[in-house]
Amino acid sequence: MLEVYWGDIGGLQTDVVIKIFIDKGNIDRYEVIARGKTDQVFKGQAVSQEQGSAQDIMRKIAGRALQQVESLKLPTVAFQLMSSAQLSGSQLAEVLVAEVRRHLAAGSGLEKVVFVLTDQAVYDSFKQMINRNVIVCLGDSITYGYPYGPEVSWVKLLEDKLGFVMINKGVNGDTLTQMASRFQWDVSDNKPAVVIILGGTNDAFMGVASESVQSAISFMVEQSFAAGICPVLGLPVAVSKEGILSDVSPDELQMVDAKLETTRNWIKEYASKHSLPVLDFYNSLLISLSGIGDPRYFVDGYHPNQSGYRELSVKVEKMLICLLDRMGVKRINEENCKHCLSGVNKT
């Protein structure tokens, strides 16, 4: 749960306080204090040698402090900002809220994180960030819902069932580099809380170099955090030798499989290194333990049919609910929504 609190921290009951000290636009130090346990205090080292922008450094420090809070095994924490000089309220909110959401999605034991603020503009910025409830789904034709259209896509099926606001930004034929090129207007400009990035199939068929695939994903992750968005990486869907793929030579199909497996393995390693959440779209459509896509779920060997899109939504559903609930992303009319809502429409 994420909250914003206006006023003196003395009136707030939390187990731990993270104090972040900012001086002339630079983070001077931080402290993690277990309240009522004066012998349990972590003092952050000077960070003058940290590499990156002020926002990058803020993310690193917030992540480091949250890891120290986890070691205390206490459920509630408050962030107290001791100064906001040279950093706008929106910058502070974008950096800290996105970093806290990333941390919570990674499997945190924290039950509540509160931002304690006394500046009206900064308070308003944090309130707006925490109230973001949009999820943008950035991808290719498998996100779009080809060959049927967005109304049949896994995105629409999950939106209607779960009641989250989900925007489909799948474009048929897109590579990851093309997805990265439209990230600003398709993702950042929509001001979502979360972006789900799913791609790589077209890259595999087109023989795009692994370095380009990895660079595009890294770029989109960086752009996500720069805009206050928590990125979620999807593992590319399997392929099945049927339909038009029946005309593909065994050697070519093996090459595509190998490239997709390389991409999946790299995504898992990258996500583990940076503690990023992952959604497994790969195992959803497999013949059990075979590594081969189940032909019952494909229309042409690599695009799901209607049963395939339904199966993707079912298999991803529990993982997505868990991630979004951890991050404090609210459903539409959440007070009336226990598990799902029927037909949700948006313009």
Protein backbone atom coordinates (compact mmCIF):
# COMPACT_ATOMS: atom_id res chain seq x y z
CA MET A 1 0.00 0.00 0.00
CA LEU A 2 1.24 3.49 -0.89
CA GLU A 3 0.10 6.59 0.97
CA VAL A 4 0.87 10.30 1.21
CA TYR A 5 0.78 12.00 4.60
CA TRP A 6 0.67 15.74 5.21
CA GLY A 7 2.19 17.03 8.44
CA ASP A 8 4.74 16.25 11.11
CA ILE A 9 6.02 12.70 11.18
CA GLY A 10 5.52 12.60 14.95
CA GLY A 11 1.82 12.09 14.36
CA LEU A 12 2.35 9.09 12.08
CA GLN A 13 2.70 5.51 13.28
CA THR A 14 5.22 3.54 11.21
CA ASP A 15 7.88 1.03 12.25
CA VAL A 16 10.72 2.59 10.25
CA VAL A 17 11.61 6.06 8.97
CA ILE A 18 13.87 6.71 5.98
CA LYS A 19 15.25 10.24 6.14
CA ILE A 20 16.69 11.57 2.91
CA PHE A 21 18.76 14.74 3.19
CA ILE A 22 19.06 16.92 0.07
CA ASP A 23 21.44 19.87 -0.05
CA LYS A 24 21.76 22.21 -3.03
CA GLY A 25 20.31 19.68 -5.41
CA ASN A 26 22.54 16.83 -4.22
CA ILE A 27 21.73 13.99 -1.85
CA ASP A 28 23.96 14.52 1.14
CA ARG A 29 23.08 11.43 3.16
CA TYR A 30 20.24 9.25 4.36
CA GLU A 31 19.28 7.46 7.54
CA VAL A 32 17.12 4.42 8.20
CA ILE A 33 15.74 4.51 11.73
CA ALA A 34 13.76 1.75 13.46
CA ARG A 35 11.49 3.80 15.68
CA GLY A 36 11.79 3.00 19.35
CA LYS A 37 14.96 0.97 18.70
CA THR A 38 17.76 3.51 18.91
CA ASP A 39 20.38 0.78 18.52
CA GLN A 40 19.09 -0.01 15.00
CA VAL A 41 20.09 2.91 12.81
CA PHE A 42 21.64 2.71 9.35
CA LYS A 43 23.42 5.84 8.17
CA GLY A 44 23.93 6.12 4.44
CA GLN A 45 27.40 6.85 3.19
CA ALA A 46 28.23 10.09 1.42
CA VAL A 47 27.20 9.76 -2.19
CA SER A 48 29.29 12.48 -3.81
CA GLN A 49 31.05 9.85 -5.94
CA GLU A 50 27.85 8.26 -7.22
CA GLN A 51 27.54 8.22 -11.00
CA GLY A 52 24.51 9.55 -12.87
CA SER A 53 21.99 12.36 -12.64
CA ALA A 54 20.41 13.55 -9.41
CA GLN A 55 17.39 11.40 -10.27
CA ASP A 56 19.53 8.30 -10.88
CA ILE A 57 21.32 8.81 -7.58
CA MET A 58 18.01 9.28 -5.77
CA ARG A 59 16.81 5.94 -7.16
CA LYS A 60 19.97 4.14 -6.05
CA ILE A 61 19.77 5.60 -2.56
CA ALA A 62 16.07 4.86 -2.18
CA GLY A 63 16.63 1.27 -3.32
CA ARG A 64 19.57 0.86 -0.93
CA ALA A 65 17.57 2.24 1.99
CA LEU A 66 14.61 -0.04 1.24
CA GLN A 67 16.91 -3.07 1.24
CA GLN A 68 18.12 -2.07 4.69
CA VAL A 69 14.52 -1.72 5.87
CA GLU A 70 13.82 -5.26 4.65
CA SER A 71 16.62 -6.55 6.88
CA LEU A 72 14.74 -5.20 9.91
CA LYS A 73 11.70 -7.34 9.00
CA LEU A 74 9.28 -4.57 9.98
CA PRO A 75 6.12 -4.01 7.91
CA THR A 76 5.65 -0.22 7.64
CA VAL A 77 8.01 2.55 6.56
CA ALA A 78 7.81 6.31 6.06
CA PHE A 79 9.96 8.39 3.72
CA GLN A 80 10.77 11.80 5.18
CA LEU A 81 12.31 14.33 2.78
CA MET A 82 14.42 16.81 4.71
CA SER A 83 14.79 19.24 1.79
CA SER A 84 13.55 19.57 -1.77
CA ALA A 85 15.96 22.26 -2.95
CA GLN A 86 16.79 22.21 -6.66
CA LEU A 87 14.52 19.26 -7.30
CA SER A 88 10.92 19.85 -8.34
CA GLY A 89 8.11 18.03 -6.61
CA SER A 90 7.32 16.16 -9.81
CA GLN A 91 10.91 14.91 -10.13
CA LEU A 92 10.96 13.70 -6.54
CA ALA A 93 7.62 11.96 -6.95
CA GLU A 94 8.53 10.30 -10.27
CA VAL A 95 11.78 8.92 -8.91
CA LEU A 96 10.64 7.74 -5.50
CA VAL A 97 7.20 6.36 -6.34
CA ALA A 98 8.51 4.36 -9.32
CA GLU A 99 11.42 3.01 -7.27
CA VAL A 100 9.15 2.03 -4.37
CA ARG A 101 6.79 0.27 -6.78
CA ARG A 102 9.70 -1.64 -8.32
CA HIS A 103 10.85 -2.69 -4.87
CA LEU A 104 7.37 -3.82 -3.80
CA ALA A 105 6.85 -5.77 -7.03
CA ALA A 106 10.10 -7.66 -6.46
CA GLY A 107 8.57 -9.51 -3.49
CA SER A 108 8.96 -7.10 -0.58
CA GLY A 109 7.79 -7.91 2.92
CA LEU A 110 6.60 -4.33 3.38
CA GLU A 111 2.89 -3.80 3.92
CA LYS A 112 2.78 0.00 3.77
CA VAL A 113 5.01 2.81 2.49
CA VAL A 114 4.11 6.40 3.40
CA PHE A 115 5.61 9.62 2.00
CA VAL A 116 5.59 12.32 4.67
CA LEU A 117 5.51 15.82 3.17
CA THR A 118 5.06 19.41 4.32
CA ASP A 119 5.42 21.30 1.03
CA GLN A 120 2.09 21.69 -0.79
CA ALA A 121 3.47 21.43 -4.33
CA VAL A 122 5.54 18.36 -3.48
CA TYR A 123 2.58 16.79 -1.65
CA ASP A 124 0.35 17.34 -4.69
CA SER A 125 2.95 15.77 -7.00
CA PHE A 126 3.24 12.65 -4.84
CA LYS A 127 -0.54 12.37 -4.57
CA GLN A 128 -0.88 12.48 -8.36
CA MET A 129 1.83 9.85 -8.84
CA ILE A 130 0.35 7.45 -6.29
CA ASN A 131 -3.11 7.85 -7.83
CA ARG A 132 -1.91 6.82 -11.29
CA ASN A 133 -3.79 3.65 -12.21
CA VAL A 134 -3.12 3.16 -15.93
CA ILE A 135 -1.19 0.16 -17.28
CA VAL A 136 0.20 0.56 -20.81
CA CYS A 137 0.85 -2.69 -22.69
CA LEU A 138 3.60 -2.02 -25.25
CA GLY A 139 4.21 -4.69 -27.83
CA ASP A 140 3.81 -6.12 -31.30
CA SER A 141 0.97 -8.06 -32.98
CA ILE A 142 0.72 -10.50 -30.05
CA THR A 143 -0.21 -7.57 -27.82
CA TYR A 144 -2.41 -5.97 -30.49
CA GLY A 145 -4.48 -9.16 -30.90
CA TYR A 146 -3.67 -10.06 -34.52
CA PRO A 147 -5.45 -11.29 -36.64
CA TYR A 148 -8.66 -10.37 -34.81
CA GLY A 149 -7.99 -6.96 -33.30
CA PRO A 150 -7.61 -5.43 -29.82
CA GLU A 151 -11.08 -6.56 -28.65
CA VAL A 152 -9.82 -10.18 -28.62
CA SER A 153 -6.37 -9.43 -27.18
CA TRP A 154 -5.06 -10.64 -23.82
CA VAL A 155 -4.97 -6.96 -22.84
CA LYS A 156 -8.72 -6.46 -23.32
CA LEU A 157 -9.58 -9.78 -21.70
CA LEU A 158 -7.60 -8.89 -18.56
CA GLU A 159 -8.93 -5.34 -18.45
CA ASP A 160 -12.52 -6.51 -18.57
CA LYS A 161 -12.01 -9.23 -15.98
CA LEU A 162 -9.79 -7.44 -13.48
CA GLY A 163 -10.99 -3.86 -13.71
CA PHE A 164 -7.60 -2.23 -14.23
CA VAL A 165 -7.25 0.53 -16.82
CA MET A 166 -5.16 -1.12 -19.55
CA ILE A 167 -4.15 0.61 -22.79
CA ASN A 168 -3.20 -1.58 -25.76
CA LYS A 169 -0.18 -0.20 -27.61
CA GLY A 170 0.63 -3.25 -29.71
CA VAL A 171 1.68 -2.56 -33.31
CA ASN A 172 1.72 -5.36 -35.89
CA GLY A 173 5.21 -6.20 -37.13
CA ASP A 174 7.10 -4.07 -34.62
CA THR A 175 10.57 -5.00 -33.42
CA LEU A 176 11.77 -3.99 -29.98
CA THR A 177 13.75 -1.12 -31.49
CA GLN A 178 10.57 0.20 -33.15
CA MET A 179 8.74 -0.14 -29.85
CA ALA A 180 11.50 1.89 -28.19
CA SER A 181 11.21 4.61 -30.84
CA ARG A 182 7.56 5.26 -29.93
CA PHE A 183 7.98 4.89 -26.18
CA GLN A 184 7.55 8.60 -25.44
CA TRP A 185 4.16 9.11 -27.10
CA ASP A 186 2.74 5.63 -26.61
CA VAL A 187 3.86 5.17 -23.00
CA SER A 188 5.27 8.22 -21.20
CA ASP A 189 2.66 10.64 -22.54
CA ASN A 190 -0.12 8.42 -21.14
CA LYS A 191 1.35 8.81 -17.62
CA PRO A 192 0.82 5.20 -16.54
CA ALA A 193 1.82 3.64 -13.22
CA VAL A 194 3.13 0.55 -15.03
CA VAL A 195 4.24 -0.46 -18.53
CA ILE A 196 4.25 -4.11 -19.65
CA ILE A 197 6.88 -4.58 -22.38
CA LEU A 198 6.37 -7.68 -24.54
CA GLY A 199 8.27 -8.19 -27.79
CA GLY A 200 11.09 -10.03 -29.53
CA THR A 201 9.23 -12.39 -31.87
CA ASN A 202 9.64 -10.18 -34.93
CA ASP A 203 13.28 -9.60 -33.99
CA ALA A 204 13.85 -13.37 -34.00
CA PHE A 205 12.23 -13.88 -37.42
CA MET A 206 14.10 -10.91 -38.90
CA GLY A 207 17.44 -11.99 -37.47
CA VAL A 208 17.96 -8.82 -35.42
CA ALA A 209 21.22 -8.92 -33.45
CA SER A 210 20.96 -9.75 -29.76
CA GLU A 211 22.82 -6.54 -28.94
CA SER A 212 20.03 -4.49 -30.57
CA VAL A 213 17.35 -6.43 -28.71
CA GLN A 214 19.08 -5.92 -25.38
CA SER A 215 19.79 -2.25 -26.05
CA ALA A 216 16.15 -1.57 -26.90
CA ILE A 217 14.88 -3.25 -23.73
CA SER A 218 17.43 -1.44 -21.56
CA PHE A 219 16.49 1.88 -23.15
CA MET A 220 12.78 1.33 -22.44
CA VAL A 221 13.49 0.40 -18.83
CA GLU A 222 15.55 3.57 -18.39
CA GLN A 223 12.85 5.67 -20.02
CA SER A 224 10.26 4.11 -17.74
CA PHE A 225 12.03 5.12 -14.56
CA ALA A 226 12.83 8.58 -15.95
CA ALA A 227 9.07 9.11 -16.36
CA GLY A 228 8.09 7.64 -12.98
CA ILE A 229 6.79 4.38 -14.48
CA CYS A 230 7.50 0.89 -13.16
CA PRO A 231 8.49 -1.45 -16.05
CA VAL A 232 7.35 -5.08 -16.22
CA LEU A 233 9.15 -7.30 -18.73
CA GLY A 234 7.33 -10.05 -20.61
CA LEU A 235 8.93 -13.30 -21.76
CA PRO A 236 8.16 -13.77 -25.49
CA VAL A 237 5.50 -16.31 -26.49
CA ALA A 238 6.56 -19.69 -27.91
CA VAL A 239 6.15 -20.65 -31.58
CA SER A 240 4.51 -23.76 -33.05
CA LYS A 241 5.31 -25.44 -36.37
CA GLU A 242 1.93 -25.16 -38.01
CA GLY A 243 0.07 -22.89 -40.43
CA ILE A 244 2.43 -20.72 -42.45
CA LEU A 245 5.33 -21.95 -40.34
CA SER A 246 4.84 -25.40 -41.87
CA ASP A 247 6.64 -23.94 -44.91
CA VAL A 248 9.60 -22.78 -42.83
CA SER A 249 12.62 -25.03 -42.99
CA PRO A 250 13.55 -26.93 -39.81
CA ASP A 251 16.88 -25.07 -39.69
CA GLU A 252 15.20 -21.65 -39.88
CA LEU A 253 12.63 -22.54 -37.23
CA GLN A 254 15.40 -23.83 -34.99
CA MET A 255 17.23 -20.53 -35.45
CA VAL A 256 14.08 -18.58 -34.48
CA ASP A 257 13.59 -20.79 -31.42
CA ALA A 258 17.22 -20.27 -30.42
CA LYS A 259 16.99 -16.48 -30.78
CA LEU A 260 13.79 -16.35 -28.74
CA GLU A 261 15.36 -18.51 -26.04
CA THR A 262 18.39 -16.22 -25.97
CA THR A 263 16.10 -13.23 -25.54
CA ARG A 264 14.12 -14.92 -22.75
CA ASN A 265 17.28 -15.92 -20.88
CA TRP A 266 18.73 -12.42 -21.18
CA ILE A 267 15.47 -10.84 -19.96
CA LYS A 268 15.47 -13.12 -16.90
CA GLU A 269 19.11 -12.31 -16.12
CA TYR A 270 18.61 -8.58 -16.69
CA ALA A 271 15.44 -8.53 -14.57
CA SER A 272 17.18 -10.43 -11.78
CA LYS A 273 20.16 -8.06 -11.83
CA HIS A 274 17.94 -4.97 -11.63
CA SER A 275 15.17 -6.52 -9.48
CA LEU A 276 12.51 -5.97 -12.15
CA PRO A 277 9.18 -7.82 -12.29
CA VAL A 278 8.64 -10.35 -15.09
CA LEU A 279 5.47 -11.82 -16.64
CA ASP A 280 5.80 -15.30 -18.16
CA PHE A 281 3.98 -15.35 -21.50
CA TYR A 282 6.22 -18.20 -22.69
CA ASN A 283 5.00 -21.17 -20.67
CA SER A 284 1.36 -20.16 -21.13
CA LEU A 285 0.98 -21.75 -24.60
CA LEU A 286 3.44 -24.64 -24.41
CA ILE A 287 2.85 -28.34 -24.83
CA SER A 288 3.72 -29.41 -21.29
CA LEU A 289 7.49 -29.62 -20.66
CA SER A 290 8.25 -29.71 -24.40
CA GLY A 291 9.43 -26.19 -25.19
CA ILE A 292 7.12 -26.31 -28.23
CA GLY A 293 4.03 -24.17 -28.69
CA ASP A 294 0.75 -26.11 -28.52
CA PRO A 295 -0.84 -25.93 -32.02
CA ARG A 296 -4.30 -25.78 -30.45
CA TYR A 297 -3.53 -22.20 -29.41
CA PHE A 298 -2.09 -20.77 -32.65
CA VAL A 299 -3.68 -19.52 -35.81
CA ASP A 300 -0.52 -19.59 -37.93
CA GLY A 301 2.30 -20.91 -35.79
CA TYR A 302 3.24 -17.75 -33.93
CA HIS A 303 0.07 -15.63 -33.56
CA PRO A 304 -2.37 -16.97 -30.95
CA ASN A 305 -5.90 -17.85 -31.99
CA GLN A 306 -8.86 -16.80 -29.85
CA SER A 307 -8.31 -19.75 -27.52
CA GLY A 308 -4.65 -18.78 -27.31
CA TYR A 309 -5.40 -15.21 -26.28
CA ARG A 310 -7.83 -16.48 -23.65
CA GLU A 311 -5.18 -18.89 -22.36
CA LEU A 312 -2.57 -16.10 -22.20
CA SER A 313 -4.92 -13.95 -20.15
CA VAL A 314 -5.77 -16.81 -17.77
CA LYS A 315 -2.14 -17.82 -17.19
CA VAL A 316 -0.90 -14.24 -16.74
CA GLU A 317 -3.85 -13.14 -14.59
CA LYS A 318 -2.64 -14.31 -11.18
CA MET A 319 0.89 -13.03 -11.74
CA LEU A 320 -0.40 -9.62 -12.83
CA ILE A 321 -2.85 -9.27 -9.94
CA CYS A 322 -0.06 -10.07 -7.50
CA LEU A 323 2.31 -7.52 -9.05
CA LEU A 324 -0.22 -4.68 -9.30
CA ASP A 325 -1.58 -5.23 -5.80
CA ARG A 326 1.94 -5.19 -4.38
CA MET A 327 2.63 -1.92 -6.22
CA GLY A 328 -0.55 -0.31 -4.92
CA VAL A 329 -2.09 0.20 -8.39
CA LYS A 330 -5.82 0.70 -7.94
CA ARG A 331 -8.61 -0.81 -9.98
CA ILE A 332 -11.51 1.20 -11.37
CA ASN A 333 -14.08 1.71 -8.59
CA GLU A 334 -11.84 -0.30 -6.30
CA GLU A 335 -14.17 0.05 -3.35
CA ASN A 336 -16.68 -2.12 -5.23
CA CYS A 337 -14.19 -4.53 -6.74
CA LYS A 338 -13.14 -7.66 -4.86
CA HIS A 339 -11.60 -9.68 -7.69
CA CYS A 340 -13.03 -8.62 -11.02
CA LEU A 341 -15.36 -6.22 -12.79
CA SER A 342 -17.51 -6.87 -15.82
CA GLY A 343 -17.13 -4.92 -19.10
CA VAL A 344 -14.95 -1.87 -18.48
CA ASN A 345 -14.84 0.59 -21.40
CA LYS A 346 -12.61 3.59 -21.89
CA THR A 347 -11.97 6.03 -24.66
